[in-house]
Amino acid sequence: MRERLEAGDSQVTALVRQAGQYLGYALTNLLHLYNPDVIMVGAREWIRKLKQ
């Protein structure tokens, strides 16, 4: 999928854009429900450093 996205495949590009839009909707709902101080997306490296 990544290769097709980098190659400019319009179907994959549309799919990734739609997934990003839904992720944005979900994060907005979480903000309104819980009012967190921070939302971290893709924090795998940061969490791994904390565990060390």
PDB file of N, CA and C in Angstrom:
ATOM      1  N   MET A   1       0.824  -1.172   0.000  1.00  0.00           N
ATOM      2  CA  MET A   1       0.000   0.000   0.000  1.00  0.00           C
ATOM      3  C   MET A   1       0.882   1.253   0.000  1.00  0.00           C
ATOM      4  N   ARG A   2       1.933   1.224   0.787  1.00  0.00           N
ATOM      5  CA  ARG A   2       2.824   2.388   0.837  1.00  0.00           C
ATOM      6  C   ARG A   2       3.440   2.666  -0.533  1.00  0.00           C
ATOM      7  N   GLU A   3       3.846   1.596  -1.211  1.00  0.00           N
ATOM      8  CA  GLU A   3       4.442   1.751  -2.540  1.00  0.00           C
ATOM      9  C   GLU A   3       3.445   2.375  -3.502  1.00  0.00           C
ATOM     10  N   ARG A   4       2.209   1.923  -3.442  1.00  0.00           N
ATOM     11  CA  ARG A   4       1.180   2.474  -4.326  1.00  0.00           C
ATOM     12  C   ARG A   4       0.871   3.927  -3.992  1.00  0.00           C
ATOM     13  N   LEU A   5       0.900   4.257  -2.704  1.00  0.00           N
ATOM     14  CA  LEU A   5       0.671   5.639  -2.286  1.00  0.00           C
ATOM     15  C   LEU A   5       1.792   6.538  -2.802  1.00  0.00           C
ATOM     16  N   GLU A   6       3.034   6.096  -2.633  1.00  0.00           N
ATOM     17  CA  GLU A   6       4.177   6.871  -3.107  1.00  0.00           C
ATOM     18  C   GLU A   6       4.202   6.986  -4.623  1.00  0.00           C
ATOM     19  N   ALA A   7       3.633   5.993  -5.308  1.00  0.00           N
ATOM     20  CA  ALA A   7       3.577   6.028  -6.776  1.00  0.00           C
ATOM     21  C   ALA A   7       2.456   6.939  -7.271  1.00  0.00           C
ATOM     22  N   GLY A   8       1.608   7.399  -6.352  1.00  0.00           N
ATOM     23  CA  GLY A   8       0.549   8.326  -6.744  1.00  0.00           C
ATOM     24  C   GLY A   8      -0.750   7.656  -7.152  1.00  0.00           C
ATOM     25  N   ASP A   9      -0.958   6.423  -6.730  1.00  0.00           N
ATOM     26  CA  ASP A   9      -2.197   5.711  -7.043  1.00  0.00           C
ATOM     27  C   ASP A   9      -3.386   6.488  -6.450  1.00  0.00           C
ATOM     28  N   SER A  10      -4.297   6.914  -7.299  1.00  0.00           N
ATOM     29  CA  SER A  10      -5.401   7.768  -6.844  1.00  0.00           C
ATOM     30  C   SER A  10      -6.358   7.046  -5.903  1.00  0.00           C
ATOM     31  N   GLN A  11      -6.568   5.754  -6.097  1.00  0.00           N
ATOM     32  CA  GLN A  11      -7.464   5.008  -5.203  1.00  0.00           C
ATOM     33  C   GLN A  11      -6.872   4.903  -3.803  1.00  0.00           C
ATOM     34  N   VAL A  12      -5.584   4.616  -3.723  1.00  0.00           N
ATOM     35  CA  VAL A  12      -4.929   4.493  -2.423  1.00  0.00           C
ATOM     36  C   VAL A  12      -4.858   5.867  -1.754  1.00  0.00           C
ATOM     37  N   THR A  13      -4.577   6.901  -2.530  1.00  0.00           N
ATOM     38  CA  THR A  13      -4.539   8.254  -1.982  1.00  0.00           C
ATOM     39  C   THR A  13      -5.886   8.630  -1.382  1.00  0.00           C
ATOM     40  N   ALA A  14      -6.965   8.325  -2.094  1.00  0.00           N
ATOM     41  CA  ALA A  14      -8.308   8.622  -1.581  1.00  0.00           C
ATOM     42  C   ALA A  14      -8.593   7.834  -0.306  1.00  0.00           C
ATOM     43  N   LEU A  15      -8.164   6.583  -0.261  1.00  0.00           N
ATOM     44  CA  LEU A  15      -8.370   5.746   0.915  1.00  0.00           C
ATOM     45  C   LEU A  15      -7.627   6.313   2.130  1.00  0.00           C
ATOM     46  N   VAL A  16      -6.387   6.717   1.941  1.00  0.00           N
ATOM     47  CA  VAL A  16      -5.592   7.263   3.040  1.00  0.00           C
ATOM     48  C   VAL A  16      -6.180   8.592   3.511  1.00  0.00           C
ATOM     49  N   ARG A  17      -6.632   9.410   2.581  1.00  0.00           N
ATOM     50  CA  ARG A  17      -7.272  10.676   2.967  1.00  0.00           C
ATOM     51  C   ARG A  17      -8.535  10.429   3.785  1.00  0.00           C
ATOM     52  N   GLN A  18      -9.335   9.463   3.359  1.00  0.00           N
ATOM     53  CA  GLN A  18     -10.571   9.153   4.085  1.00  0.00           C
ATOM     54  C   GLN A  18     -10.253   8.602   5.479  1.00  0.00           C
ATOM     55  N   ALA A  19      -9.248   7.748   5.573  1.00  0.00           N
ATOM     56  CA  ALA A  19      -8.850   7.206   6.875  1.00  0.00           C
ATOM     57  C   ALA A  19      -8.372   8.336   7.788  1.00  0.00           C
ATOM     58  N   GLY A  20      -7.628   9.275   7.248  1.00  0.00           N
ATOM     59  CA  GLY A  20      -7.178  10.418   8.029  1.00  0.00           C
ATOM     60  C   GLY A  20      -8.331  11.278   8.503  1.00  0.00           C
ATOM     61  N   GLN A  21      -9.321  11.426   7.646  1.00  0.00           N
ATOM     62  CA  GLN A  21     -10.498  12.208   8.030  1.00  0.00           C
ATOM     63  C   GLN A  21     -11.248  11.530   9.176  1.00  0.00           C
ATOM     64  N   TYR A  22     -11.418  10.221   9.092  1.00  0.00           N
ATOM     65  CA  TYR A  22     -12.093   9.497  10.168  1.00  0.00           C
ATOM     66  C   TYR A  22     -11.287   9.539  11.466  1.00  0.00           C
ATOM     67  N   LEU A  23      -9.969   9.471  11.359  1.00  0.00           N
ATOM     68  CA  LEU A  23      -9.123   9.583  12.539  1.00  0.00           C
ATOM     69  C   LEU A  23      -9.302  10.962  13.181  1.00  0.00           C
ATOM     70  N   GLY A  24      -9.384  11.981  12.357  1.00  0.00           N
ATOM     71  CA  GLY A  24      -9.626  13.329  12.861  1.00  0.00           C
ATOM     72  C   GLY A  24     -10.958  13.438  13.582  1.00  0.00           C
ATOM     73  N   TYR A  25     -11.991  12.825  13.019  1.00  0.00           N
ATOM     74  CA  TYR A  25     -13.309  12.821  13.674  1.00  0.00           C
ATOM     75  C   TYR A  25     -13.223  12.136  15.040  1.00  0.00           C
ATOM     76  N   ALA A  26     -12.538  10.989  15.076  1.00  0.00           N
ATOM     77  CA  ALA A  26     -12.424  10.232  16.324  1.00  0.00           C
ATOM     78  C   ALA A  26     -11.670  11.036  17.382  1.00  0.00           C
ATOM     79  N   LEU A  27     -10.577  11.680  16.989  1.00  0.00           N
ATOM     80  CA  LEU A  27      -9.810  12.476  17.946  1.00  0.00           C
ATOM     81  C   LEU A  27     -10.612  13.670  18.440  1.00  0.00           C
ATOM     82  N   THR A  28     -11.385  14.271  17.563  1.00  0.00           N
ATOM     83  CA  THR A  28     -12.246  15.389  17.972  1.00  0.00           C
ATOM     84  C   THR A  28     -13.266  14.925  19.003  1.00  0.00           C
ATOM     85  N   ASN A  29     -13.860  13.761  18.777  1.00  0.00           N
ATOM     86  CA  ASN A  29     -14.821  13.220  19.744  1.00  0.00           C
ATOM     87  C   ASN A  29     -14.156  12.944  21.091  1.00  0.00           C
ATOM     88  N   LEU A  30     -12.937  12.401  21.071  1.00  0.00           N
ATOM     89  CA  LEU A  30     -12.218  12.160  22.323  1.00  0.00           C
ATOM     90  C   LEU A  30     -11.937  13.463  23.054  1.00  0.00           C
ATOM     91  N   LEU A  31     -11.567  14.493  22.314  1.00  0.00           N
ATOM     92  CA  LEU A  31     -11.324  15.794  22.935  1.00  0.00           C
ATOM     93  C   LEU A  31     -12.567  16.314  23.640  1.00  0.00           C
ATOM     94  N   HIS A  32     -13.699  16.187  22.980  1.00  0.00           N
ATOM     95  CA  HIS A  32     -14.944  16.684  23.565  1.00  0.00           C
ATOM     96  C   HIS A  32     -15.419  15.840  24.746  1.00  0.00           C
ATOM     97  N   LEU A  33     -15.154  14.540  24.709  1.00  0.00           N
ATOM     98  CA  LEU A  33     -15.596  13.660  25.790  1.00  0.00           C
ATOM     99  C   LEU A  33     -14.726  13.759  27.040  1.00  0.00           C
ATOM    100  N   TYR A  34     -13.408  13.769  26.853  1.00  0.00           N
ATOM    101  CA  TYR A  34     -12.498  13.624  27.987  1.00  0.00           C
ATOM    102  C   TYR A  34     -11.673  14.861  28.307  1.00  0.00           C
ATOM    103  N   ASN A  35     -11.590  15.806  27.380  1.00  0.00           N
ATOM    104  CA  ASN A  35     -10.805  17.016  27.566  1.00  0.00           C
ATOM    105  C   ASN A  35      -9.387  16.711  28.062  1.00  0.00           C
ATOM    106  N   PRO A  36      -8.642  15.871  27.342  1.00  0.00           N
ATOM    107  CA  PRO A  36      -7.291  15.523  27.795  1.00  0.00           C
ATOM    108  C   PRO A  36      -6.324  16.694  27.605  1.00  0.00           C
ATOM    109  N   ASP A  37      -5.238  16.668  28.353  1.00  0.00           N
ATOM    110  CA  ASP A  37      -4.210  17.691  28.198  1.00  0.00           C
ATOM    111  C   ASP A  37      -3.398  17.458  26.920  1.00  0.00           C
ATOM    112  N   VAL A  38      -3.251  16.184  26.557  1.00  0.00           N
ATOM    113  CA  VAL A  38      -2.418  15.831  25.410  1.00  0.00           C
ATOM    114  C   VAL A  38      -3.035  14.648  24.676  1.00  0.00           C
ATOM    115  N   ILE A  39      -2.941  14.655  23.358  1.00  0.00           N
ATOM    116  CA  ILE A  39      -3.254  13.479  22.544  1.00  0.00           C
ATOM    117  C   ILE A  39      -2.003  13.176  21.740  1.00  0.00           C
ATOM    118  N   MET A  40      -1.485  11.957  21.872  1.00  0.00           N
ATOM    119  CA  MET A  40      -0.270  11.579  21.152  1.00  0.00           C
ATOM    120  C   MET A  40      -0.634  10.550  20.088  1.00  0.00           C
ATOM    121  N   VAL A  41      -0.230  10.824  18.878  1.00  0.00           N
ATOM    122  CA  VAL A  41      -0.454   9.917  17.759  1.00  0.00           C
ATOM    123  C   VAL A  41       0.906   9.464  17.252  1.00  0.00           C
ATOM    124  N   GLY A  42       1.100   8.181  17.179  1.00  0.00           N
ATOM    125  CA  GLY A  42       2.370   7.654  16.697  1.00  0.00           C
ATOM    126  C   GLY A  42       3.504   7.886  17.676  1.00  0.00           C
ATOM    127  N   ALA A  43       3.279   7.624  18.935  1.00  0.00           N
ATOM    128  CA  ALA A  43       4.266   7.906  19.978  1.00  0.00           C
ATOM    129  C   ALA A  43       5.052   6.660  20.373  1.00  0.00           C
ATOM    130  N   ARG A  44       5.156   5.700  19.507  1.00  0.00           N
ATOM    131  CA  ARG A  44       5.800   4.428  19.837  1.00  0.00           C
ATOM    132  C   ARG A  44       7.231   4.626  20.330  1.00  0.00           C
ATOM    133  N   GLU A  45       8.030   5.437  19.642  1.00  0.00           N
ATOM    134  CA  GLU A  45       9.414   5.667  20.057  1.00  0.00           C
ATOM    135  C   GLU A  45       9.478   6.357  21.414  1.00  0.00           C
ATOM    136  N   TRP A  46       8.623   7.314  21.635  1.00  0.00           N
ATOM    137  CA  TRP A  46       8.605   8.052  22.890  1.00  0.00           C
ATOM    138  C   TRP A  46       8.252   7.118  24.048  1.00  0.00           C
ATOM    139  N   ILE A  47       7.262   6.264  23.851  1.00  0.00           N
ATOM    140  CA  ILE A  47       6.861   5.309  24.897  1.00  0.00           C
ATOM    141  C   ILE A  47       7.973   4.307  25.161  1.00  0.00           C
ATOM    142  N   ARG A  48       8.634   3.860  24.114  1.00  0.00           N
ATOM    143  CA  ARG A  48       9.733   2.909  24.278  1.00  0.00           C
ATOM    144  C   ARG A  48      10.856   3.532  25.117  1.00  0.00           C
ATOM    145  N   LYS A  49      11.155   4.810  24.911  1.00  0.00           N
ATOM    146  CA  LYS A  49      12.191   5.486  25.699  1.00  0.00           C
ATOM    147  C   LYS A  49      11.767   5.621  27.152  1.00  0.00           C
ATOM    148  N   LEU A  50      10.485   5.831  27.412  1.00  0.00           N
ATOM    149  CA  LEU A  50      10.009   5.931  28.780  1.00  0.00           C
ATOM    150  C   LEU A  50      10.167   4.613  29.527  1.00  0.00           C
ATOM    151  N   LYS A  51       9.989   3.501  28.831  1.00  0.00           N
ATOM    152  CA  LYS A  51      10.058   2.185  29.461  1.00  0.00           C
ATOM    153  C   LYS A  51      11.487   1.776  29.809  1.00  0.00           C
ATOM    154  N   GLN A  52      12.468   2.409  29.220  1.00  0.00           N
ATOM    155  CA  GLN A  52      13.877   2.033  29.457  1.00  0.00           C
ATOM    156  C   GLN A  52      14.340   2.475  30.804  1.00  0.00           C
TER     157      GLN A  52
END
